[in-house]
Amino acid sequence: MKIVVIDGQGGRLGQLLVGAVKNRLPQAQVYALGTNTAATAAMLKAGADFGATGENPVVRGVADADGVLGPVGIAVANAILGEVTPAMAEAVGSCRAKKFLVPMNSCGVIVAGVEELPLPAYVSQAVEALAAELEK
């Protein structure tokens, strides 16, 4: 199964997501797709199987993914301080895979009704939801 983790800026969330996915779903192939090289490097360091940086890897990478994880901003054009291009956001939003998005204030999106939790709690919830979906 192909799991895509997308992140930007320093890649901290992506790093946590990759580690949690590899721990919970060791059989999964995890693709680290960064909006910049620092994010990609952080996710590769966390154990991602493959890594690439930029718009085209994101657009192509999500097309056949079984699950996509990242901050909520990966589905919003120009989010994450402009690192998410409109083409990236469209590709994420349009791909067939389920998206497991973590609310992040830095993305400029507030999700009403979402309880503010520490980042590791969001990561755990996202990965457990991914695992439950894949086990169906």
C-alpha atoms as a PDB file:
ATOM      1  CA  MET A   1       0.000   0.000   0.000  1.00  0.00           C
ATOM      2  CA  LYS A   2       1.174   3.503  -0.846  1.00  0.00           C
ATOM      3  CA  ILE A   3       0.885   6.145   1.862  1.00  0.00           C
ATOM      4  CA  VAL A   4       1.816   9.717   0.973  1.00  0.00           C
ATOM      5  CA  VAL A   5       2.850  12.181   3.654  1.00  0.00           C
ATOM      6  CA  ILE A   6       3.043  15.807   2.546  1.00  0.00           C
ATOM      7  CA  ASP A   7       4.533  18.613   4.621  1.00  0.00           C
ATOM      8  CA  GLY A   8       6.297  21.924   4.326  1.00  0.00           C
ATOM      9  CA  GLN A   9       8.308  24.410   6.372  1.00  0.00           C
ATOM     10  CA  GLY A  10      10.632  22.375   8.645  1.00  0.00           C
ATOM     11  CA  GLY A  11       8.772  19.099   8.234  1.00  0.00           C
ATOM     12  CA  ARG A  12       8.101  18.481  11.938  1.00  0.00           C
ATOM     13  CA  LEU A  13       4.527  17.286  11.420  1.00  0.00           C
ATOM     14  CA  GLY A  14       5.571  15.157   8.452  1.00  0.00           C
ATOM     15  CA  GLN A  15       8.366  13.637  10.496  1.00  0.00           C
ATOM     16  CA  LEU A  16       5.922  12.674  13.252  1.00  0.00           C
ATOM     17  CA  LEU A  17       3.418  11.288  10.741  1.00  0.00           C
ATOM     18  CA  VAL A  18       6.036   9.182   8.928  1.00  0.00           C
ATOM     19  CA  GLY A  19       7.286   7.714  12.194  1.00  0.00           C
ATOM     20  CA  ALA A  20       3.772   6.906  13.361  1.00  0.00           C
ATOM     21  CA  VAL A  21       2.755   5.332  10.035  1.00  0.00           C
ATOM     22  CA  LYS A  22       5.909   3.196   9.910  1.00  0.00           C
ATOM     23  CA  ASN A  23       5.252   2.067  13.472  1.00  0.00           C
ATOM     24  CA  ARG A  24       1.537   1.328  13.012  1.00  0.00           C
ATOM     25  CA  LEU A  25       1.645   0.057   9.408  1.00  0.00           C
ATOM     26  CA  PRO A  26       5.144  -1.375   8.863  1.00  0.00           C
ATOM     27  CA  GLN A  27       4.103  -3.014   5.580  1.00  0.00           C
ATOM     28  CA  ALA A  28       3.192   0.351   4.003  1.00  0.00           C
ATOM     29  CA  GLN A  29       5.438   2.113   1.550  1.00  0.00           C
ATOM     30  CA  VAL A  30       5.658   5.697   2.790  1.00  0.00           C
ATOM     31  CA  TYR A  31       6.338   8.475   0.301  1.00  0.00           C
ATOM     32  CA  ALA A  32       7.619  11.728   1.834  1.00  0.00           C
ATOM     33  CA  LEU A  33       6.651  14.613  -0.421  1.00  0.00           C
ATOM     34  CA  GLY A  34       7.935  17.935   0.803  1.00  0.00           C
ATOM     35  CA  THR A  35       7.105  21.402  -0.388  1.00  0.00           C
ATOM     36  CA  ASN A  36      10.769  22.181   0.330  1.00  0.00           C
ATOM     37  CA  THR A  37      13.976  20.212   0.849  1.00  0.00           C
ATOM     38  CA  ALA A  38      14.037  20.668   4.634  1.00  0.00           C
ATOM     39  CA  ALA A  39      10.609  19.041   4.987  1.00  0.00           C
ATOM     40  CA  THR A  40      11.553  16.169   2.682  1.00  0.00           C
ATOM     41  CA  ALA A  41      14.823  15.570   4.540  1.00  0.00           C
ATOM     42  CA  ALA A  42      13.060  15.512   7.921  1.00  0.00           C
ATOM     43  CA  MET A  43      10.543  12.935   6.689  1.00  0.00           C
ATOM     44  CA  LEU A  44      13.241  10.755   5.136  1.00  0.00           C
ATOM     45  CA  LYS A  45      15.169  10.887   8.401  1.00  0.00           C
ATOM     46  CA  ALA A  46      12.026   9.618  10.154  1.00  0.00           C
ATOM     47  CA  GLY A  47      12.027   6.507   7.966  1.00  0.00           C
ATOM     48  CA  ALA A  48      10.092   7.271   4.784  1.00  0.00           C
ATOM     49  CA  ASP A  49      10.815   4.799   2.004  1.00  0.00           C
ATOM     50  CA  PHE A  50      10.896   7.400  -0.778  1.00  0.00           C
ATOM     51  CA  GLY A  51      11.189  11.170  -0.874  1.00  0.00           C
ATOM     52  CA  ALA A  52      10.828  13.985  -3.361  1.00  0.00           C
ATOM     53  CA  THR A  53      10.403  17.737  -3.250  1.00  0.00           C
ATOM     54  CA  GLY A  54       8.211  20.182  -5.098  1.00  0.00           C
ATOM     55  CA  GLU A  55       5.022  20.584  -7.025  1.00  0.00           C
ATOM     56  CA  ASN A  56       5.335  17.800  -9.595  1.00  0.00           C
ATOM     57  CA  PRO A  57       6.171  15.048  -7.070  1.00  0.00           C
ATOM     58  CA  VAL A  58       3.096  16.024  -5.053  1.00  0.00           C
ATOM     59  CA  VAL A  59       0.828  16.161  -8.110  1.00  0.00           C
ATOM     60  CA  ARG A  60       2.084  12.811  -9.424  1.00  0.00           C
ATOM     61  CA  GLY A  61       2.541  11.176  -6.025  1.00  0.00           C
ATOM     62  CA  VAL A  62      -1.041  11.505  -4.794  1.00  0.00           C
ATOM     63  CA  ALA A  63      -2.582  10.195  -8.028  1.00  0.00           C
ATOM     64  CA  ASP A  64      -2.303   6.525  -7.020  1.00  0.00           C
ATOM     65  CA  ALA A  65      -2.001   6.858  -3.248  1.00  0.00           C
ATOM     66  CA  ASP A  66      -4.012   4.692  -0.880  1.00  0.00           C
ATOM     67  CA  GLY A  67      -3.922   7.379   1.810  1.00  0.00           C
ATOM     68  CA  VAL A  68      -2.660  10.962   2.109  1.00  0.00           C
ATOM     69  CA  LEU A  69      -1.597  12.570   5.380  1.00  0.00           C
ATOM     70  CA  GLY A  70      -0.455  16.085   6.201  1.00  0.00           C
ATOM     71  CA  PRO A  71      -1.532  19.427   7.560  1.00  0.00           C
ATOM     72  CA  VAL A  72      -4.930  20.736   6.480  1.00  0.00           C
ATOM     73  CA  GLY A  73      -3.115  23.327   4.380  1.00  0.00           C
ATOM     74  CA  ILE A  74      -2.082  20.768   1.758  1.00  0.00           C
ATOM     75  CA  ALA A  75      -5.616  21.024   0.387  1.00  0.00           C
ATOM     76  CA  VAL A  76      -5.659  24.844   0.365  1.00  0.00           C
ATOM     77  CA  ALA A  77      -3.977  26.821  -2.413  1.00  0.00           C
ATOM     78  CA  ASN A  78      -1.195  29.123  -1.203  1.00  0.00           C
ATOM     79  CA  ALA A  79      -1.291  27.758   2.358  1.00  0.00           C
ATOM     80  CA  ILE A  80       1.744  27.057   4.564  1.00  0.00           C
ATOM     81  CA  LEU A  81       3.183  30.508   3.882  1.00  0.00           C
ATOM     82  CA  GLY A  82       2.636  30.060   0.145  1.00  0.00           C
ATOM     83  CA  GLU A  83       4.456  26.722  -0.125  1.00  0.00           C
ATOM     84  CA  VAL A  84       1.346  24.870  -1.340  1.00  0.00           C
ATOM     85  CA  THR A  85       0.747  25.801  -4.954  1.00  0.00           C
ATOM     86  CA  PRO A  86      -2.751  25.780  -6.455  1.00  0.00           C
ATOM     87  CA  ALA A  87      -1.762  22.692  -8.486  1.00  0.00           C
ATOM     88  CA  MET A  88      -0.700  20.846  -5.319  1.00  0.00           C
ATOM     89  CA  ALA A  89      -3.939  21.698  -3.519  1.00  0.00           C
ATOM     90  CA  GLU A  90      -6.013  20.634  -6.507  1.00  0.00           C
ATOM     91  CA  ALA A  91      -4.141  17.340  -6.819  1.00  0.00           C
ATOM     92  CA  VAL A  92      -4.613  16.550  -3.129  1.00  0.00           C
ATOM     93  CA  GLY A  93      -8.282  17.513  -3.174  1.00  0.00           C
ATOM     94  CA  SER A  94      -8.981  15.583  -6.381  1.00  0.00           C
ATOM     95  CA  CYS A  95      -7.091  12.368  -5.718  1.00  0.00           C
ATOM     96  CA  ARG A  96      -9.065   9.196  -5.046  1.00  0.00           C
ATOM     97  CA  ALA A  97      -7.315   8.511  -1.737  1.00  0.00           C
ATOM     98  CA  LYS A  98      -8.825   9.419   1.601  1.00  0.00           C
ATOM     99  CA  LYS A  99      -7.132  12.397   3.180  1.00  0.00           C
ATOM    100  CA  PHE A 100      -6.194  12.437   6.872  1.00  0.00           C
ATOM    101  CA  LEU A 101      -5.498  16.085   7.614  1.00  0.00           C
ATOM    102  CA  VAL A 102      -4.135  17.592  10.805  1.00  0.00           C
ATOM    103  CA  PRO A 103      -5.440  21.045  11.790  1.00  0.00           C
ATOM    104  CA  MET A 104      -2.574  23.518  12.012  1.00  0.00           C
ATOM    105  CA  ASN A 105      -2.949  27.209  12.760  1.00  0.00           C
ATOM    106  CA  SER A 106       0.039  28.024  10.561  1.00  0.00           C
ATOM    107  CA  CYS A 107      -1.971  26.916   7.528  1.00  0.00           C
ATOM    108  CA  GLY A 108      -4.363  29.838   7.912  1.00  0.00           C
ATOM    109  CA  VAL A 109      -7.365  27.529   8.249  1.00  0.00           C
ATOM    110  CA  ILE A 110      -9.472  27.140  11.374  1.00  0.00           C
ATOM    111  CA  VAL A 111     -11.605  24.007  11.498  1.00  0.00           C
ATOM    112  CA  ALA A 112     -14.670  24.788  13.586  1.00  0.00           C
ATOM    113  CA  GLY A 113     -15.551  22.194  16.191  1.00  0.00           C
ATOM    114  CA  VAL A 114     -12.064  20.716  16.382  1.00  0.00           C
ATOM    115  CA  GLU A 115     -10.664  20.522  19.869  1.00  0.00           C
ATOM    116  CA  GLU A 116      -7.195  22.020  20.186  1.00  0.00           C
ATOM    117  CA  LEU A 117      -4.805  19.203  21.064  1.00  0.00           C
ATOM    118  CA  PRO A 118      -1.044  18.746  21.219  1.00  0.00           C
ATOM    119  CA  LEU A 119       0.492  17.806  17.864  1.00  0.00           C
ATOM    120  CA  PRO A 120       1.325  14.185  18.875  1.00  0.00           C
ATOM    121  CA  ALA A 121      -2.359  13.612  19.717  1.00  0.00           C
ATOM    122  CA  TYR A 122      -3.425  14.792  16.244  1.00  0.00           C
ATOM    123  CA  VAL A 123      -0.787  12.544  14.675  1.00  0.00           C
ATOM    124  CA  SER A 124      -2.034   9.543  16.626  1.00  0.00           C
ATOM    125  CA  GLN A 125      -5.644  10.235  15.637  1.00  0.00           C
ATOM    126  CA  ALA A 126      -4.756  10.660  11.959  1.00  0.00           C
ATOM    127  CA  VAL A 127      -2.717   7.461  11.775  1.00  0.00           C
ATOM    128  CA  GLU A 128      -5.333   5.429  13.644  1.00  0.00           C
ATOM    129  CA  ALA A 129      -8.029   6.727  11.264  1.00  0.00           C
ATOM    130  CA  LEU A 130      -5.810   5.785   8.305  1.00  0.00           C
ATOM    131  CA  ALA A 131      -5.219   2.281   9.701  1.00  0.00           C
ATOM    132  CA  ALA A 132      -8.942   1.772  10.333  1.00  0.00           C
ATOM    133  CA  GLU A 133      -9.779   2.865   6.796  1.00  0.00           C
ATOM    134  CA  LEU A 134      -7.185   0.575   5.234  1.00  0.00           C
ATOM    135  CA  GLU A 135      -8.357  -2.390   7.309  1.00  0.00           C
ATOM    136  CA  LYS A 136     -11.918  -2.119   5.934  1.00  0.00           C
END
